[in-house]
Amino acid sequence: MREDVYGSLEDEFHEKEMKQIFSSDDWFCYFLENENGQITGFAELSSRNIVDGCLSSPVAYLEGLYLKKEYRGMGQGREAMNAIKNWCKNKGFTELGMDTELANINAQKFFKAMGLQETYRIVQFRTRIDPGS
């Protein structure tokens, strides 16, 4: 399921990141289930000190939300977002940030339909810093 959400990342990155998620108190990963207990998707959240477009700190950040194709369009995405917002409220967060890839138009439509406001459109970059040089 992570591959479908983060398709541009290599398997090695997924494995390393999942180890970090499971060992961190600032990351939260939940499977979404239907009324029969079948896993329908997942949600990954983190706590970030700074999020572009948000004024509070820390900020709850929806790192990933995935719903299997056969469960889409049935209201489960909306239910998941409402549960995520309630979870954030219960944890004391006052803002929830998230992003999606520029090409993921369906996710953008979904988040807008959920009442979220677009803050920025960016292309992010990163580089490794070699401590030996």
N, C-alpha and C. Protein backbone atom coordinates (compact mmCIF):
# COMPACT_ATOMS: atom_id res chain seq x y z
N MET A 1 0.83 -1.20 0.00
CA MET A 1 0.00 0.00 0.00
C MET A 1 0.87 1.25 0.00
N ARG A 2 1.99 1.22 0.71
CA ARG A 2 2.90 2.38 0.73
C ARG A 2 3.44 2.65 -0.67
N GLU A 3 3.66 1.59 -1.43
CA GLU A 3 4.17 1.74 -2.79
C GLU A 3 3.19 2.56 -3.64
N ASP A 4 1.89 2.35 -3.43
CA ASP A 4 0.89 3.11 -4.19
C ASP A 4 0.87 4.58 -3.80
N VAL A 5 1.15 4.88 -2.55
CA VAL A 5 1.15 6.28 -2.10
C VAL A 5 2.47 6.97 -2.44
N TYR A 6 3.56 6.28 -2.17
CA TYR A 6 4.89 6.87 -2.34
C TYR A 6 5.64 6.14 -3.45
N GLY A 7 5.05 6.05 -4.62
CA GLY A 7 5.58 5.26 -5.72
C GLY A 7 6.93 5.70 -6.23
N SER A 8 7.31 6.94 -5.98
CA SER A 8 8.59 7.42 -6.50
C SER A 8 9.77 7.05 -5.60
N LEU A 9 9.48 6.41 -4.46
CA LEU A 9 10.54 6.05 -3.52
C LEU A 9 10.95 4.59 -3.70
N GLU A 10 12.20 4.31 -3.46
CA GLU A 10 12.72 2.95 -3.60
C GLU A 10 12.37 2.11 -2.38
N ASP A 11 12.34 0.78 -2.57
CA ASP A 11 12.00 -0.14 -1.48
C ASP A 11 12.91 0.05 -0.27
N GLU A 12 14.19 0.27 -0.50
CA GLU A 12 15.14 0.46 0.60
C GLU A 12 14.75 1.67 1.45
N PHE A 13 14.30 2.74 0.81
CA PHE A 13 13.86 3.93 1.54
C PHE A 13 12.64 3.59 2.40
N HIS A 14 11.66 2.86 1.82
CA HIS A 14 10.47 2.46 2.57
C HIS A 14 10.86 1.67 3.82
N GLU A 15 11.76 0.72 3.66
CA GLU A 15 12.17 -0.11 4.79
C GLU A 15 12.82 0.70 5.89
N LYS A 16 13.72 1.59 5.52
CA LYS A 16 14.39 2.44 6.52
C LYS A 16 13.39 3.37 7.20
N GLU A 17 12.49 3.96 6.40
CA GLU A 17 11.53 4.88 6.99
C GLU A 17 10.57 4.16 7.93
N MET A 18 10.13 2.97 7.56
CA MET A 18 9.22 2.24 8.44
C MET A 18 9.88 1.90 9.77
N LYS A 19 11.16 1.57 9.76
CA LYS A 19 11.87 1.33 11.01
C LYS A 19 11.88 2.58 11.88
N GLN A 20 12.08 3.73 11.25
CA GLN A 20 12.07 5.00 11.99
C GLN A 20 10.68 5.29 12.55
N ILE A 21 9.67 5.04 11.74
CA ILE A 21 8.30 5.30 12.18
C ILE A 21 7.97 4.47 13.41
N PHE A 22 8.28 3.18 13.37
CA PHE A 22 7.93 2.30 14.47
C PHE A 22 8.74 2.56 15.73
N SER A 23 9.87 3.24 15.61
CA SER A 23 10.69 3.52 16.79
C SER A 23 10.52 4.96 17.28
N SER A 24 9.64 5.73 16.67
CA SER A 24 9.48 7.14 17.01
C SER A 24 8.16 7.39 17.74
N ASP A 25 8.22 8.30 18.70
CA ASP A 25 7.01 8.73 19.39
C ASP A 25 6.29 9.84 18.62
N ASP A 26 6.93 10.38 17.58
CA ASP A 26 6.35 11.47 16.81
C ASP A 26 5.67 11.01 15.53
N TRP A 27 5.64 9.72 15.28
CA TRP A 27 4.98 9.16 14.11
C TRP A 27 3.89 8.21 14.56
N PHE A 28 2.83 8.15 13.79
CA PHE A 28 1.70 7.30 14.11
C PHE A 28 1.21 6.66 12.81
N CYS A 29 1.06 5.36 12.82
CA CYS A 29 0.61 4.64 11.63
C CYS A 29 -0.56 3.75 12.03
N TYR A 30 -1.65 3.88 11.29
CA TYR A 30 -2.85 3.12 11.58
C TYR A 30 -3.39 2.46 10.32
N PHE A 31 -3.87 1.24 10.46
CA PHE A 31 -4.58 0.60 9.36
C PHE A 31 -6.04 1.00 9.44
N LEU A 32 -6.64 1.22 8.31
CA LEU A 32 -8.07 1.51 8.22
C LEU A 32 -8.78 0.18 7.99
N GLU A 33 -9.90 0.00 8.67
CA GLU A 33 -10.66 -1.25 8.55
C GLU A 33 -12.11 -0.95 8.26
N ASN A 34 -12.77 -1.89 7.57
CA ASN A 34 -14.21 -1.76 7.38
C ASN A 34 -14.93 -2.46 8.52
N GLU A 35 -16.26 -2.51 8.43
CA GLU A 35 -17.05 -3.08 9.51
C GLU A 35 -16.80 -4.58 9.69
N ASN A 36 -16.22 -5.24 8.68
CA ASN A 36 -15.91 -6.68 8.76
C ASN A 36 -14.48 -6.94 9.24
N GLY A 37 -13.76 -5.89 9.60
CA GLY A 37 -12.40 -6.04 10.08
C GLY A 37 -11.37 -6.21 8.98
N GLN A 38 -11.78 -6.01 7.72
CA GLN A 38 -10.83 -6.11 6.61
C GLN A 38 -10.05 -4.81 6.50
N ILE A 39 -8.74 -4.93 6.27
CA ILE A 39 -7.91 -3.74 6.11
C ILE A 39 -8.23 -3.11 4.75
N THR A 40 -8.63 -1.85 4.80
CA THR A 40 -9.02 -1.13 3.59
C THR A 40 -8.00 -0.08 3.18
N GLY A 41 -7.08 0.23 4.06
CA GLY A 41 -6.08 1.25 3.77
C GLY A 41 -5.26 1.56 5.00
N PHE A 42 -4.59 2.71 4.96
CA PHE A 42 -3.79 3.13 6.11
C PHE A 42 -3.67 4.64 6.16
N ALA A 43 -3.28 5.12 7.32
CA ALA A 43 -2.98 6.53 7.52
C ALA A 43 -1.68 6.62 8.30
N GLU A 44 -0.79 7.50 7.84
CA GLU A 44 0.45 7.79 8.56
C GLU A 44 0.43 9.26 8.94
N LEU A 45 0.66 9.52 10.21
CA LEU A 45 0.71 10.89 10.70
C LEU A 45 2.01 11.12 11.45
N SER A 46 2.44 12.36 11.46
CA SER A 46 3.61 12.72 12.25
C SER A 46 3.32 14.03 12.97
N SER A 47 4.19 14.35 13.87
CA SER A 47 4.16 15.64 14.56
C SER A 47 5.37 16.43 14.08
N ARG A 48 5.12 17.57 13.45
CA ARG A 48 6.20 18.39 12.92
C ARG A 48 6.25 19.72 13.66
N ASN A 49 7.47 20.22 13.85
CA ASN A 49 7.62 21.51 14.51
C ASN A 49 7.15 22.65 13.63
N ILE A 50 7.43 22.57 12.33
CA ILE A 50 7.09 23.62 11.39
C ILE A 50 6.45 23.00 10.16
N VAL A 51 5.35 23.59 9.71
CA VAL A 51 4.69 23.17 8.48
C VAL A 51 4.35 24.43 7.70
N ASP A 52 4.79 24.49 6.45
CA ASP A 52 4.46 25.64 5.61
C ASP A 52 2.96 25.86 5.58
N GLY A 53 2.55 27.10 5.78
CA GLY A 53 1.14 27.46 5.75
C GLY A 53 0.43 27.32 7.08
N CYS A 54 1.10 26.79 8.11
CA CYS A 54 0.51 26.63 9.44
C CYS A 54 1.20 27.56 10.42
N LEU A 55 0.46 28.03 11.41
CA LEU A 55 1.01 28.97 12.39
C LEU A 55 1.30 28.33 13.74
N SER A 56 0.71 27.19 14.02
CA SER A 56 0.92 26.56 15.33
C SER A 56 2.14 25.66 15.30
N SER A 57 2.54 25.24 16.48
CA SER A 57 3.63 24.28 16.60
C SER A 57 3.46 23.55 17.93
N PRO A 58 3.53 22.25 17.93
CA PRO A 58 3.72 21.37 16.79
C PRO A 58 2.45 21.27 15.96
N VAL A 59 2.61 20.72 14.76
CA VAL A 59 1.50 20.56 13.82
C VAL A 59 1.36 19.07 13.49
N ALA A 60 0.15 18.57 13.53
CA ALA A 60 -0.10 17.21 13.06
C ALA A 60 0.04 17.23 11.55
N TYR A 61 0.72 16.21 11.01
CA TYR A 61 0.95 16.18 9.57
C TYR A 61 0.55 14.82 9.02
N LEU A 62 -0.37 14.84 8.07
CA LEU A 62 -0.81 13.61 7.42
C LEU A 62 0.21 13.26 6.35
N GLU A 63 1.10 12.35 6.69
CA GLU A 63 2.17 11.95 5.79
C GLU A 63 1.63 11.13 4.62
N GLY A 64 0.63 10.33 4.90
CA GLY A 64 0.06 9.50 3.85
C GLY A 64 -1.30 8.99 4.24
N LEU A 65 -2.19 8.95 3.27
CA LEU A 65 -3.52 8.37 3.45
C LEU A 65 -3.78 7.53 2.22
N TYR A 66 -4.11 6.28 2.43
CA TYR A 66 -4.35 5.38 1.32
C TYR A 66 -5.59 4.55 1.58
N LEU A 67 -6.41 4.46 0.55
CA LEU A 67 -7.59 3.61 0.59
C LEU A 67 -7.54 2.73 -0.66
N LYS A 68 -7.66 1.43 -0.48
CA LYS A 68 -7.64 0.52 -1.62
C LYS A 68 -8.72 0.91 -2.61
N LYS A 69 -8.44 0.74 -3.88
CA LYS A 69 -9.34 1.19 -4.95
C LYS A 69 -10.76 0.68 -4.78
N GLU A 70 -10.91 -0.57 -4.38
CA GLU A 70 -12.25 -1.15 -4.28
C GLU A 70 -13.09 -0.55 -3.15
N TYR A 71 -12.45 0.24 -2.27
CA TYR A 71 -13.18 0.87 -1.17
C TYR A 71 -13.36 2.37 -1.37
N ARG A 72 -12.89 2.90 -2.47
CA ARG A 72 -13.02 4.33 -2.74
C ARG A 72 -14.42 4.66 -3.22
N GLY A 73 -14.83 5.90 -2.96
CA GLY A 73 -16.14 6.36 -3.42
C GLY A 73 -17.29 5.85 -2.57
N MET A 74 -16.97 5.30 -1.40
CA MET A 74 -18.00 4.73 -0.53
C MET A 74 -18.09 5.49 0.80
N GLY A 75 -17.38 6.61 0.90
CA GLY A 75 -17.42 7.41 2.12
C GLY A 75 -16.37 7.05 3.15
N GLN A 76 -15.55 6.02 2.89
CA GLN A 76 -14.55 5.62 3.87
C GLN A 76 -13.40 6.63 3.97
N GLY A 77 -13.07 7.29 2.88
CA GLY A 77 -12.05 8.34 2.92
C GLY A 77 -12.49 9.49 3.81
N ARG A 78 -13.75 9.87 3.66
CA ARG A 78 -14.32 10.94 4.49
C ARG A 78 -14.34 10.52 5.96
N GLU A 79 -14.72 9.26 6.22
CA GLU A 79 -14.72 8.75 7.59
C GLU A 79 -13.30 8.76 8.16
N ALA A 80 -12.33 8.36 7.35
CA ALA A 80 -10.94 8.34 7.81
C ALA A 80 -10.48 9.75 8.14
N MET A 81 -10.78 10.72 7.28
CA MET A 81 -10.37 12.11 7.54
C MET A 81 -11.03 12.64 8.81
N ASN A 82 -12.29 12.33 9.03
CA ASN A 82 -12.96 12.76 10.25
C ASN A 82 -12.32 12.13 11.48
N ALA A 83 -11.96 10.85 11.38
CA ALA A 83 -11.29 10.18 12.51
C ALA A 83 -9.92 10.79 12.75
N ILE A 84 -9.20 11.12 11.68
CA ILE A 84 -7.88 11.75 11.80
C ILE A 84 -8.01 13.11 12.48
N LYS A 85 -8.99 13.91 12.06
CA LYS A 85 -9.20 15.22 12.69
C LYS A 85 -9.55 15.08 14.16
N ASN A 86 -10.38 14.10 14.50
CA ASN A 86 -10.73 13.87 15.91
C ASN A 86 -9.51 13.43 16.71
N TRP A 87 -8.70 12.56 16.12
CA TRP A 87 -7.48 12.13 16.78
C TRP A 87 -6.58 13.33 17.06
N CYS A 88 -6.42 14.20 16.06
CA CYS A 88 -5.59 15.39 16.23
C CYS A 88 -6.12 16.27 17.35
N LYS A 89 -7.43 16.48 17.36
CA LYS A 89 -8.05 17.30 18.40
C LYS A 89 -7.81 16.70 19.78
N ASN A 90 -7.98 15.38 19.90
CA ASN A 90 -7.77 14.71 21.19
C ASN A 90 -6.32 14.76 21.65
N LYS A 91 -5.38 14.88 20.72
CA LYS A 91 -3.96 14.98 21.05
C LYS A 91 -3.53 16.42 21.28
N GLY A 92 -4.44 17.39 21.13
CA GLY A 92 -4.13 18.78 21.41
C GLY A 92 -3.61 19.58 20.22
N PHE A 93 -3.59 19.00 19.04
CA PHE A 93 -3.17 19.73 17.85
C PHE A 93 -4.27 20.70 17.44
N THR A 94 -3.89 21.86 16.92
CA THR A 94 -4.86 22.83 16.44
C THR A 94 -4.86 22.97 14.92
N GLU A 95 -3.87 22.35 14.27
CA GLU A 95 -3.81 22.37 12.81
C GLU A 95 -3.34 21.02 12.31
N LEU A 96 -3.80 20.70 11.10
CA LEU A 96 -3.39 19.48 10.41
C LEU A 96 -2.89 19.89 9.04
N GLY A 97 -1.66 19.53 8.73
CA GLY A 97 -1.09 19.81 7.42
C GLY A 97 -0.93 18.53 6.64
N MET A 98 -0.80 18.65 5.35
CA MET A 98 -0.56 17.50 4.48
C MET A 98 -0.12 18.00 3.13
N ASP A 99 0.35 17.08 2.31
CA ASP A 99 0.71 17.43 0.94
C ASP A 99 0.34 16.29 0.03
N THR A 100 0.42 16.54 -1.24
CA THR A 100 0.26 15.51 -2.24
C THR A 100 1.13 15.88 -3.43
N GLU A 101 1.47 14.90 -4.22
CA GLU A 101 2.28 15.19 -5.39
C GLU A 101 1.46 16.04 -6.36
N LEU A 102 2.15 16.89 -7.12
CA LEU A 102 1.47 17.80 -8.04
C LEU A 102 0.60 17.06 -9.05
N ALA A 103 1.01 15.88 -9.45
CA ALA A 103 0.27 15.12 -10.46
C ALA A 103 -0.91 14.35 -9.88
N ASN A 104 -1.05 14.28 -8.56
CA ASN A 104 -2.12 13.50 -7.94
C ASN A 104 -3.38 14.35 -7.82
N ILE A 105 -4.04 14.53 -8.95
CA ILE A 105 -5.23 15.38 -9.02
C ILE A 105 -6.37 14.81 -8.19
N ASN A 106 -6.52 13.48 -8.16
CA ASN A 106 -7.62 12.88 -7.37
C ASN A 106 -7.48 13.20 -5.89
N ALA A 107 -6.26 13.12 -5.36
CA ALA A 107 -6.05 13.45 -3.95
C ALA A 107 -6.34 14.93 -3.70
N GLN A 108 -5.92 15.78 -4.62
CA GLN A 108 -6.18 17.21 -4.46
C GLN A 108 -7.68 17.50 -4.44
N LYS A 109 -8.42 16.85 -5.32
CA LYS A 109 -9.88 17.02 -5.34
C LYS A 109 -10.50 16.52 -4.03
N PHE A 110 -10.02 15.38 -3.56
CA PHE A 110 -10.54 14.82 -2.31
C PHE A 110 -10.30 15.78 -1.15
N PHE A 111 -9.06 16.26 -0.99
CA PHE A 111 -8.75 17.14 0.13
C PHE A 111 -9.55 18.45 0.05
N LYS A 112 -9.71 18.98 -1.15
CA LYS A 112 -10.52 20.20 -1.30
C LYS A 112 -11.98 19.92 -0.95
N ALA A 113 -12.50 18.76 -1.35
CA ALA A 113 -13.87 18.38 -1.01
C ALA A 113 -14.04 18.21 0.49
N MET A 114 -12.95 17.87 1.19
CA MET A 114 -12.98 17.73 2.65
C MET A 114 -12.85 19.07 3.35
N GLY A 115 -12.71 20.14 2.58
CA GLY A 115 -12.66 21.48 3.17
C GLY A 115 -11.26 21.97 3.48
N LEU A 116 -10.23 21.26 3.04
CA LEU A 116 -8.87 21.72 3.28
C LEU A 116 -8.52 22.82 2.28
N GLN A 117 -7.65 23.71 2.71
CA GLN A 117 -7.23 24.83 1.86
C GLN A 117 -5.82 24.60 1.37
N GLU A 118 -5.64 24.80 0.07
CA GLU A 118 -4.31 24.69 -0.51
C GLU A 118 -3.47 25.87 -0.03
N THR A 119 -2.22 25.58 0.35
CA THR A 119 -1.36 26.66 0.85
C THR A 119 -0.26 27.01 -0.14
N TYR A 120 0.43 26.02 -0.70
CA TYR A 120 1.54 26.27 -1.62
C TYR A 120 1.60 25.18 -2.67
N ARG A 121 2.27 25.50 -3.78
CA ARG A 121 2.63 24.49 -4.78
C ARG A 121 4.13 24.60 -4.95
N ILE A 122 4.83 23.50 -4.60
CA ILE A 122 6.28 23.54 -4.61
C ILE A 122 6.87 22.25 -5.16
N VAL A 123 8.10 22.31 -5.50
CA VAL A 123 8.90 21.13 -5.80
C VAL A 123 10.01 21.14 -4.77
N GLN A 124 10.08 20.10 -3.95
CA GLN A 124 11.08 20.06 -2.89
C GLN A 124 12.32 19.32 -3.36
N PHE A 125 13.46 19.70 -2.79
CA PHE A 125 14.75 19.09 -3.12
C PHE A 125 15.43 18.65 -1.84
N ARG A 126 16.37 17.74 -1.97
CA ARG A 126 17.18 17.31 -0.84
C ARG A 126 18.52 16.84 -1.35
N THR A 127 19.49 16.83 -0.47
CA THR A 127 20.80 16.28 -0.77
C THR A 127 21.36 15.67 0.49
N ARG A 128 22.24 14.73 0.34
CA ARG A 128 22.93 14.14 1.49
C ARG A 128 24.15 14.98 1.80
N ILE A 129 24.44 15.12 3.06
CA ILE A 129 25.64 15.83 3.51
C ILE A 129 26.61 14.77 4.00
N ASP A 130 27.75 14.68 3.35
CA ASP A 130 28.75 13.69 3.71
C ASP A 130 29.55 14.23 4.89
N PRO A 131 29.43 13.60 6.07
CA PRO A 131 30.14 14.11 7.24
C PRO A 131 31.65 14.01 7.12
N GLY A 132 32.16 13.23 6.18
CA GLY A 132 33.60 13.04 6.05
C GLY A 132 34.29 14.06 5.17
N SER A 133 33.55 14.96 4.57
CA SER A 133 34.23 15.90 3.67
C SER A 133 34.08 17.33 4.12
